[in-house]
């Protein structure tokens, strides 16, 4: 009889644990599932802000309607030489995926991040949020010229 009561008590205990309801609280929540990683790449973890021009020398960038293929080719060569250590076109790595970057950030912001990563990480709220999102992996200053940054920016339009 003792064994039967013990078995019933143990069964009741196990089934009662399965119905626990969690309280949801208002606020920011981070989850590292594959679905959430994709959302973060799309701007889900960090706000999308096309009005923010960032901190740096670039105040205005105007893209032509057509992509300048020669400029984009030079930018692709630079991307493959220096950026692929941390960035891929369609996948998160140490840094964010670059495909669709202009759907999340202004061209000025992107170029200022290339030219002035130190200043951006100190002063720009989006750059600070990305730093947290990517485990405090800092973007190193590659000492690009404005022309090189513009070529990279043109290449990013092709992704």
N, C-alpha and C. Protein backbone atom coordinates (compact mmCIF):
# COMPACT_ATOMS: atom_id res chain seq x y z
N UNK A 1 0.82 -1.19 0.00
CA UNK A 1 0.00 0.00 0.00
C UNK A 1 0.87 1.26 0.00
N UNK A 2 1.98 1.23 0.79
CA UNK A 2 2.88 2.38 0.83
C UNK A 2 3.47 2.65 -0.55
N UNK A 3 3.82 1.56 -1.26
CA UNK A 3 4.38 1.72 -2.60
C UNK A 3 3.37 2.35 -3.54
N UNK A 4 2.10 1.97 -3.43
CA UNK A 4 1.05 2.52 -4.29
C UNK A 4 0.86 4.00 -4.00
N UNK A 5 0.83 4.40 -2.72
CA UNK A 5 0.68 5.81 -2.37
C UNK A 5 1.89 6.63 -2.84
N UNK A 6 3.08 6.06 -2.69
CA UNK A 6 4.29 6.74 -3.15
C UNK A 6 4.26 6.93 -4.66
N UNK A 7 3.82 5.90 -5.39
CA UNK A 7 3.74 5.97 -6.84
C UNK A 7 2.72 7.03 -7.27
N UNK A 8 1.58 7.11 -6.62
CA UNK A 8 0.54 8.10 -6.95
C UNK A 8 1.05 9.51 -6.63
N UNK A 9 1.71 9.69 -5.49
CA UNK A 9 2.24 11.00 -5.11
C UNK A 9 3.31 11.45 -6.10
N UNK A 10 4.18 10.53 -6.51
CA UNK A 10 5.23 10.86 -7.48
C UNK A 10 4.61 11.24 -8.83
N UNK A 11 3.60 10.50 -9.26
CA UNK A 11 2.91 10.80 -10.53
C UNK A 11 2.23 12.16 -10.47
N UNK A 12 1.59 12.48 -9.35
CA UNK A 12 0.93 13.78 -9.20
C UNK A 12 1.95 14.91 -9.22
N UNK A 13 3.09 14.68 -8.59
CA UNK A 13 4.14 15.70 -8.58
C UNK A 13 4.68 15.96 -9.98
N UNK A 14 4.92 14.91 -10.75
CA UNK A 14 5.47 15.05 -12.10
C UNK A 14 4.47 15.76 -13.01
N UNK A 15 3.21 15.40 -12.94
CA UNK A 15 2.22 16.05 -13.81
C UNK A 15 1.97 17.49 -13.40
N UNK A 16 2.10 17.81 -12.15
CA UNK A 16 1.87 19.20 -11.72
C UNK A 16 2.98 20.12 -12.20
N UNK A 17 4.17 19.58 -12.42
CA UNK A 17 5.29 20.40 -12.90
C UNK A 17 5.11 20.81 -14.35
N UNK A 18 4.40 20.03 -15.13
CA UNK A 18 4.25 20.31 -16.55
C UNK A 18 3.33 21.46 -16.87
N UNK A 19 2.45 21.86 -15.96
CA UNK A 19 1.47 22.91 -16.24
C UNK A 19 1.90 24.28 -15.74
N UNK A 20 3.16 24.43 -15.43
CA UNK A 20 3.62 25.73 -14.93
C UNK A 20 3.45 26.79 -15.99
N UNK A 21 2.87 27.90 -15.63
CA UNK A 21 2.71 29.03 -16.54
C UNK A 21 3.73 30.10 -16.16
N UNK A 22 4.39 30.67 -17.17
CA UNK A 22 5.37 31.72 -16.92
C UNK A 22 4.73 33.07 -17.09
N UNK A 23 5.10 33.98 -16.18
CA UNK A 23 4.62 35.35 -16.30
C UNK A 23 5.45 36.06 -17.35
N UNK A 24 4.78 36.74 -18.26
CA UNK A 24 5.50 37.57 -19.23
C UNK A 24 5.55 38.97 -18.68
N UNK A 25 6.73 39.54 -18.72
CA UNK A 25 6.89 40.91 -18.26
C UNK A 25 7.22 41.79 -19.44
N UNK A 26 6.81 43.06 -19.35
CA UNK A 26 7.12 44.02 -20.40
C UNK A 26 8.62 44.26 -20.42
N UNK A 27 9.17 44.48 -21.61
CA UNK A 27 10.58 44.82 -21.68
C UNK A 27 11.27 44.10 -22.81
N UNK A 28 12.54 44.22 -22.83
CA UNK A 28 13.38 43.68 -23.90
C UNK A 28 13.76 42.25 -23.57
N UNK A 29 13.67 41.36 -24.56
CA UNK A 29 14.02 39.97 -24.35
C UNK A 29 14.92 39.51 -25.48
N UNK A 30 15.97 38.78 -25.15
CA UNK A 30 16.88 38.26 -26.17
C UNK A 30 16.79 36.75 -26.18
N UNK A 31 16.64 36.20 -27.35
CA UNK A 31 16.60 34.75 -27.52
C UNK A 31 17.58 34.40 -28.63
N UNK A 32 18.30 33.33 -28.49
CA UNK A 32 19.32 32.98 -29.47
C UNK A 32 18.92 31.79 -30.34
N UNK A 33 17.64 31.63 -30.64
CA UNK A 33 17.25 30.57 -31.55
C UNK A 33 17.57 30.99 -32.96
N UNK A 34 17.58 30.04 -33.88
CA UNK A 34 17.91 30.37 -35.27
C UNK A 34 16.91 31.36 -35.84
N UNK A 35 15.64 31.25 -35.48
CA UNK A 35 14.63 32.19 -35.97
C UNK A 35 14.95 33.59 -35.49
N UNK A 36 15.32 33.72 -34.24
CA UNK A 36 15.63 35.04 -33.70
C UNK A 36 16.88 35.62 -34.34
N UNK A 37 17.86 34.77 -34.66
CA UNK A 37 19.06 35.28 -35.31
C UNK A 37 18.72 35.87 -36.66
N UNK A 38 17.82 35.24 -37.39
CA UNK A 38 17.43 35.77 -38.69
C UNK A 38 16.73 37.10 -38.51
N UNK A 39 15.86 37.20 -37.51
CA UNK A 39 15.17 38.46 -37.25
C UNK A 39 16.15 39.57 -36.91
N UNK A 40 17.18 39.26 -36.14
CA UNK A 40 18.18 40.27 -35.80
C UNK A 40 18.90 40.76 -37.04
N UNK A 41 19.19 39.84 -37.96
CA UNK A 41 19.81 40.24 -39.23
C UNK A 41 18.92 41.20 -39.99
N UNK A 42 17.62 41.05 -39.84
CA UNK A 42 16.67 41.90 -40.54
C UNK A 42 16.38 43.17 -39.76
N UNK A 43 17.08 43.39 -38.68
CA UNK A 43 16.87 44.58 -37.88
C UNK A 43 16.00 44.33 -36.67
N UNK A 44 15.62 43.06 -36.41
CA UNK A 44 14.73 42.75 -35.30
C UNK A 44 15.34 43.03 -33.94
N UNK A 45 16.66 42.80 -33.78
CA UNK A 45 17.30 43.01 -32.49
C UNK A 45 17.72 44.46 -32.30
N UNK A 46 17.97 45.15 -33.37
CA UNK A 46 18.41 46.54 -33.34
C UNK A 46 17.44 47.33 -34.20
N UNK A 47 17.00 48.49 -33.74
CA UNK A 47 16.00 49.24 -34.50
C UNK A 47 16.47 49.60 -35.91
N UNK A 48 15.53 49.60 -36.84
CA UNK A 48 15.80 50.07 -38.20
C UNK A 48 15.68 51.59 -38.15
N UNK A 49 16.67 52.27 -38.68
CA UNK A 49 16.64 53.74 -38.67
C UNK A 49 17.31 54.27 -39.94
N UNK A 50 16.50 54.69 -40.88
CA UNK A 50 17.01 55.19 -42.14
C UNK A 50 17.30 56.69 -42.10
N UNK A 51 16.92 57.36 -41.02
CA UNK A 51 17.16 58.80 -40.89
C UNK A 51 18.49 59.10 -40.21
N UNK A 52 19.02 58.15 -39.46
CA UNK A 52 20.27 58.34 -38.74
C UNK A 52 21.43 58.32 -39.74
N UNK A 53 22.20 59.41 -39.79
CA UNK A 53 23.33 59.49 -40.72
C UNK A 53 24.65 59.12 -40.04
N UNK A 54 24.62 58.87 -38.76
CA UNK A 54 25.82 58.46 -38.06
C UNK A 54 26.72 59.62 -37.71
N UNK A 55 27.91 59.28 -37.21
CA UNK A 55 28.90 60.25 -36.75
C UNK A 55 30.14 60.09 -37.62
N UNK A 56 30.48 61.13 -38.35
CA UNK A 56 31.65 61.04 -39.20
C UNK A 56 31.61 62.06 -40.32
N UNK A 57 32.49 61.92 -41.29
CA UNK A 57 32.64 62.94 -42.33
C UNK A 57 31.54 62.94 -43.38
N UNK A 58 30.80 61.86 -43.52
CA UNK A 58 29.81 61.76 -44.59
C UNK A 58 28.48 62.36 -44.13
N UNK A 59 28.09 63.41 -44.80
CA UNK A 59 26.84 64.11 -44.45
C UNK A 59 25.72 63.79 -45.44
N UNK A 60 26.08 63.48 -46.69
CA UNK A 60 25.06 63.16 -47.69
C UNK A 60 25.64 62.26 -48.77
N UNK A 61 24.88 61.23 -49.12
CA UNK A 61 25.24 60.32 -50.20
C UNK A 61 24.02 60.20 -51.10
N UNK A 62 24.24 60.36 -52.38
CA UNK A 62 23.16 60.17 -53.34
C UNK A 62 23.58 59.07 -54.30
N UNK A 63 22.79 58.02 -54.33
CA UNK A 63 23.06 56.93 -55.26
C UNK A 63 22.37 57.21 -56.58
N UNK A 64 23.05 56.90 -57.68
CA UNK A 64 22.42 56.98 -59.00
C UNK A 64 21.39 55.86 -59.10
N UNK A 65 20.47 56.00 -60.05
CA UNK A 65 19.47 54.95 -60.23
C UNK A 65 20.11 53.62 -60.63
N UNK A 66 21.11 53.71 -61.50
CA UNK A 66 21.81 52.52 -61.96
C UNK A 66 23.07 52.30 -61.13
N UNK A 67 23.39 51.05 -60.88
CA UNK A 67 24.62 50.72 -60.15
C UNK A 67 25.81 50.93 -61.07
N UNK A 68 26.84 51.58 -60.57
CA UNK A 68 28.09 51.78 -61.30
C UNK A 68 28.88 50.48 -61.17
N UNK A 69 28.89 49.69 -62.24
CA UNK A 69 29.48 48.35 -62.20
C UNK A 69 30.98 48.38 -61.91
N UNK A 70 31.70 49.34 -62.47
CA UNK A 70 33.15 49.42 -62.22
C UNK A 70 33.43 49.75 -60.76
N UNK A 71 32.69 50.71 -60.23
CA UNK A 71 32.86 51.08 -58.83
C UNK A 71 32.50 49.90 -57.92
N UNK A 72 31.40 49.22 -58.24
CA UNK A 72 30.97 48.07 -57.44
C UNK A 72 32.01 46.95 -57.50
N UNK A 73 32.64 46.76 -58.64
CA UNK A 73 33.68 45.72 -58.77
C UNK A 73 34.88 46.04 -57.88
N UNK A 74 35.27 47.31 -57.83
CA UNK A 74 36.37 47.70 -56.94
C UNK A 74 35.96 47.50 -55.48
N UNK A 75 34.71 47.84 -55.18
CA UNK A 75 34.20 47.64 -53.83
C UNK A 75 34.14 46.17 -53.44
N UNK A 76 33.75 45.32 -54.39
CA UNK A 76 33.71 43.88 -54.11
C UNK A 76 35.11 43.35 -53.81
N UNK A 77 36.10 43.81 -54.55
CA UNK A 77 37.48 43.37 -54.30
C UNK A 77 37.91 43.78 -52.89
N UNK A 78 37.57 45.00 -52.49
CA UNK A 78 37.91 45.45 -51.13
C UNK A 78 37.16 44.62 -50.09
N UNK A 79 35.87 44.39 -50.33
CA UNK A 79 35.05 43.60 -49.41
C UNK A 79 35.69 42.23 -49.21
N UNK A 80 36.07 41.58 -50.31
CA UNK A 80 36.67 40.25 -50.22
C UNK A 80 38.04 40.27 -49.55
N UNK A 81 38.72 41.39 -49.62
CA UNK A 81 40.05 41.48 -49.01
C UNK A 81 39.99 41.80 -47.52
N UNK A 82 39.06 42.67 -47.10
CA UNK A 82 39.11 43.12 -45.70
C UNK A 82 37.83 42.86 -44.89
N UNK A 83 36.69 42.75 -45.53
CA UNK A 83 35.43 42.68 -44.77
C UNK A 83 34.98 41.25 -44.46
N UNK A 84 35.36 40.29 -45.33
CA UNK A 84 34.86 38.92 -45.15
C UNK A 84 35.37 38.24 -43.88
N UNK A 85 36.34 38.82 -43.23
CA UNK A 85 36.78 38.25 -41.95
C UNK A 85 35.66 38.33 -40.91
N UNK A 86 34.78 39.33 -41.05
CA UNK A 86 33.70 39.53 -40.07
C UNK A 86 32.30 39.55 -40.68
N UNK A 87 32.18 39.79 -41.98
CA UNK A 87 30.87 39.94 -42.62
C UNK A 87 30.72 39.00 -43.80
N UNK A 88 29.51 38.47 -43.97
CA UNK A 88 29.14 37.75 -45.18
C UNK A 88 27.93 38.45 -45.76
N UNK A 89 27.62 38.16 -47.00
CA UNK A 89 26.49 38.82 -47.64
C UNK A 89 25.18 38.40 -46.98
N UNK A 90 24.94 37.10 -46.84
CA UNK A 90 23.62 36.62 -46.40
C UNK A 90 23.61 35.92 -45.06
N UNK A 91 24.67 36.04 -44.27
CA UNK A 91 24.73 35.30 -43.02
C UNK A 91 25.43 36.10 -41.94
N UNK A 92 24.90 36.01 -40.73
CA UNK A 92 25.56 36.61 -39.57
C UNK A 92 26.89 35.93 -39.33
N UNK A 93 27.86 36.71 -38.96
CA UNK A 93 29.14 36.14 -38.51
C UNK A 93 29.53 36.91 -37.26
N UNK A 94 30.75 37.41 -37.24
CA UNK A 94 31.16 38.28 -36.15
C UNK A 94 30.38 39.58 -36.22
N UNK A 95 30.07 40.00 -37.44
CA UNK A 95 29.26 41.19 -37.69
C UNK A 95 28.02 40.83 -38.48
N UNK A 96 27.15 41.81 -38.71
CA UNK A 96 25.88 41.53 -39.39
C UNK A 96 26.05 41.15 -40.86
N UNK A 97 25.06 40.46 -41.40
CA UNK A 97 25.00 40.18 -42.83
C UNK A 97 24.81 41.50 -43.57
N UNK A 98 25.42 41.62 -44.72
CA UNK A 98 25.40 42.89 -45.45
C UNK A 98 24.27 43.01 -46.46
N UNK A 99 23.68 41.90 -46.88
CA UNK A 99 22.59 41.96 -47.85
C UNK A 99 21.43 42.77 -47.25
N UNK A 100 20.92 43.70 -48.01
CA UNK A 100 19.79 44.51 -47.55
C UNK A 100 20.15 45.56 -46.52
N UNK A 101 21.41 45.90 -46.39
CA UNK A 101 21.82 46.85 -45.36
C UNK A 101 21.13 48.20 -45.54
N UNK A 102 20.85 48.59 -46.79
CA UNK A 102 20.23 49.90 -47.03
C UNK A 102 18.72 49.89 -46.75
N UNK A 103 18.20 48.74 -46.40
CA UNK A 103 16.82 48.65 -45.92
C UNK A 103 16.77 48.89 -44.41
N UNK A 104 17.94 48.86 -43.77
CA UNK A 104 18.02 49.04 -42.31
C UNK A 104 18.76 50.31 -41.91
N UNK A 105 19.71 50.75 -42.75
CA UNK A 105 20.56 51.90 -42.43
C UNK A 105 20.67 52.82 -43.63
N UNK A 106 20.91 54.09 -43.36
CA UNK A 106 21.10 55.07 -44.44
C UNK A 106 22.49 54.87 -45.04
N UNK A 107 22.67 55.25 -46.32
CA UNK A 107 24.01 55.15 -46.93
C UNK A 107 25.06 55.95 -46.15
N UNK A 108 24.66 57.11 -45.62
CA UNK A 108 25.59 57.93 -44.84
C UNK A 108 26.04 57.18 -43.59
N UNK A 109 25.09 56.53 -42.92
CA UNK A 109 25.42 55.77 -41.71
C UNK A 109 26.42 54.66 -42.05
N UNK A 110 26.15 53.94 -43.14
CA UNK A 110 27.02 52.83 -43.53
C UNK A 110 28.43 53.33 -43.82
N UNK A 111 28.53 54.40 -44.58
CA UNK A 111 29.86 54.92 -44.92
C UNK A 111 30.56 55.50 -43.69
N UNK A 112 29.83 56.16 -42.81
CA UNK A 112 30.45 56.67 -41.58
C UNK A 112 30.93 55.52 -40.70
N UNK A 113 30.22 54.41 -40.70
CA UNK A 113 30.66 53.25 -39.92
C UNK A 113 31.96 52.69 -40.51
N UNK A 114 32.09 52.73 -41.83
CA UNK A 114 33.32 52.26 -42.47
C UNK A 114 34.49 53.20 -42.17
N UNK A 115 34.22 54.49 -42.20
CA UNK A 115 35.29 55.48 -42.08
C UNK A 115 35.62 55.86 -40.64
N UNK A 116 34.64 55.76 -39.76
CA UNK A 116 34.81 56.24 -38.39
C UNK A 116 34.20 55.26 -37.38
N UNK A 117 34.62 53.99 -37.39
CA UNK A 117 33.99 53.03 -36.48
C UNK A 117 34.19 53.38 -35.01
N UNK A 118 35.33 53.94 -34.65
CA UNK A 118 35.58 54.29 -33.24
C UNK A 118 34.60 55.35 -32.76
N UNK A 119 34.45 56.41 -33.53
CA UNK A 119 33.51 57.47 -33.16
C UNK A 119 32.07 57.00 -33.16
N UNK A 120 31.73 56.15 -34.12
CA UNK A 120 30.37 55.62 -34.19
C UNK A 120 30.07 54.76 -32.95
N UNK A 121 31.01 53.91 -32.57
CA UNK A 121 30.78 53.03 -31.42
C UNK A 121 30.70 53.80 -30.11
N UNK A 122 31.31 54.98 -30.07
CA UNK A 122 31.26 55.80 -28.86
C UNK A 122 30.00 56.65 -28.80
N UNK A 123 29.52 57.13 -29.96
CA UNK A 123 28.47 58.15 -29.94
C UNK A 123 27.15 57.76 -30.59
N UNK A 124 27.14 56.82 -31.53
CA UNK A 124 25.93 56.52 -32.27
C UNK A 124 25.11 55.43 -31.57
N UNK A 125 23.83 55.68 -31.31
CA UNK A 125 23.02 54.69 -30.58
C UNK A 125 22.83 53.37 -31.34
N UNK A 126 22.72 53.42 -32.64
CA UNK A 126 22.56 52.18 -33.42
C UNK A 126 23.86 51.37 -33.38
N UNK A 127 25.00 52.03 -33.55
CA UNK A 127 26.29 51.34 -33.49
C UNK A 127 26.49 50.71 -32.11
N UNK A 128 26.08 51.42 -31.06
CA UNK A 128 26.19 50.87 -29.70
C UNK A 128 25.31 49.63 -29.54
N UNK A 129 24.09 49.69 -30.08
CA UNK A 129 23.17 48.55 -29.99
C UNK A 129 23.72 47.35 -30.77
N UNK A 130 24.30 47.62 -31.94
CA UNK A 130 24.90 46.53 -32.72
C UNK A 130 26.09 45.92 -31.99
N UNK A 131 26.86 46.75 -31.31
CA UNK A 131 27.99 46.26 -30.53
C UNK A 131 27.51 45.25 -29.49
N UNK A 132 26.43 45.59 -28.80
CA UNK A 132 25.87 44.66 -27.81
C UNK A 132 25.32 43.41 -28.48
N UNK A 133 24.61 43.60 -29.58
CA UNK A 133 24.00 42.48 -30.32
C UNK A 133 25.06 41.47 -30.78
N UNK A 134 26.24 41.96 -31.12
CA UNK A 134 27.30 41.11 -31.64
C UNK A 134 28.40 40.89 -30.60
N UNK A 135 28.00 40.74 -29.34
CA UNK A 135 28.89 40.33 -28.25
C UNK A 135 30.13 41.19 -28.10
N UNK A 136 29.95 42.49 -28.24
CA UNK A 136 31.03 43.47 -28.07
C UNK A 136 32.20 43.27 -29.02
N UNK A 137 31.93 42.71 -30.20
CA UNK A 137 32.96 42.58 -31.23
C UNK A 137 33.06 43.93 -31.94
N UNK A 138 34.17 44.61 -31.75
CA UNK A 138 34.31 45.96 -32.31
C UNK A 138 34.71 45.89 -33.77
N UNK A 139 34.15 46.81 -34.54
CA UNK A 139 34.58 46.94 -35.93
C UNK A 139 35.87 47.74 -35.92
N UNK A 140 36.90 47.15 -36.49
CA UNK A 140 38.20 47.81 -36.52
C UNK A 140 38.25 48.85 -37.63
N UNK A 141 39.00 49.91 -37.38
CA UNK A 141 39.18 50.94 -38.38
C UNK A 141 40.13 50.41 -39.45
N UNK A 142 39.64 50.35 -40.68
CA UNK A 142 40.44 49.85 -41.79
C UNK A 142 41.20 50.98 -42.50
N UNK A 143 41.05 52.21 -42.00
CA UNK A 143 41.72 53.39 -42.57
C UNK A 143 41.43 53.55 -44.06
N UNK A 144 40.15 53.41 -44.40
CA UNK A 144 39.72 53.57 -45.79
C UNK A 144 39.67 55.05 -46.15
N UNK A 145 39.85 55.32 -47.42
CA UNK A 145 39.60 56.68 -47.92
C UNK A 145 38.11 56.81 -48.19
N UNK A 146 37.63 58.03 -48.36
CA UNK A 146 36.22 58.22 -48.70
C UNK A 146 35.89 57.55 -50.02
N UNK A 147 36.83 57.57 -50.96
CA UNK A 147 36.60 56.92 -52.26
C UNK A 147 36.44 55.40 -52.09
N UNK A 148 37.28 54.79 -51.26
CA UNK A 148 37.17 53.35 -51.02
C UNK A 148 35.86 53.01 -50.33
N UNK A 149 35.47 53.83 -49.38
CA UNK A 149 34.20 53.60 -48.68
C UNK A 149 33.03 53.72 -49.65
N UNK A 150 33.12 54.67 -50.56
CA UNK A 150 32.04 54.84 -51.55
C UNK A 150 31.98 53.64 -52.49
N UNK A 151 33.13 53.08 -52.85
CA UNK A 151 33.15 51.88 -53.69
C UNK A 151 32.53 50.69 -52.95
N UNK A 152 32.87 50.55 -51.69
CA UNK A 152 32.25 49.49 -50.88
C UNK A 152 30.75 49.70 -50.78
N UNK A 153 30.34 50.95 -50.58
CA UNK A 153 28.91 51.27 -50.49
C UNK A 153 28.20 50.88 -51.78
N UNK A 154 28.83 51.13 -52.90
CA UNK A 154 28.24 50.77 -54.20
C UNK A 154 28.12 49.26 -54.32
N UNK A 155 29.15 48.54 -53.89
CA UNK A 155 29.09 47.07 -53.93
C UNK A 155 27.95 46.55 -53.05
N UNK A 156 27.77 47.13 -51.89
CA UNK A 156 26.70 46.68 -50.98
C UNK A 156 25.32 46.82 -51.62
N UNK A 157 25.19 47.75 -52.55
CA UNK A 157 23.91 47.90 -53.26
C UNK A 157 23.60 46.68 -54.11
N UNK A 158 24.64 45.93 -54.52
CA UNK A 158 24.43 44.78 -55.41
C UNK A 158 24.00 43.53 -54.65
N UNK A 159 24.12 43.53 -53.35
CA UNK A 159 23.82 42.32 -52.56
C UNK A 159 22.33 42.13 -52.38
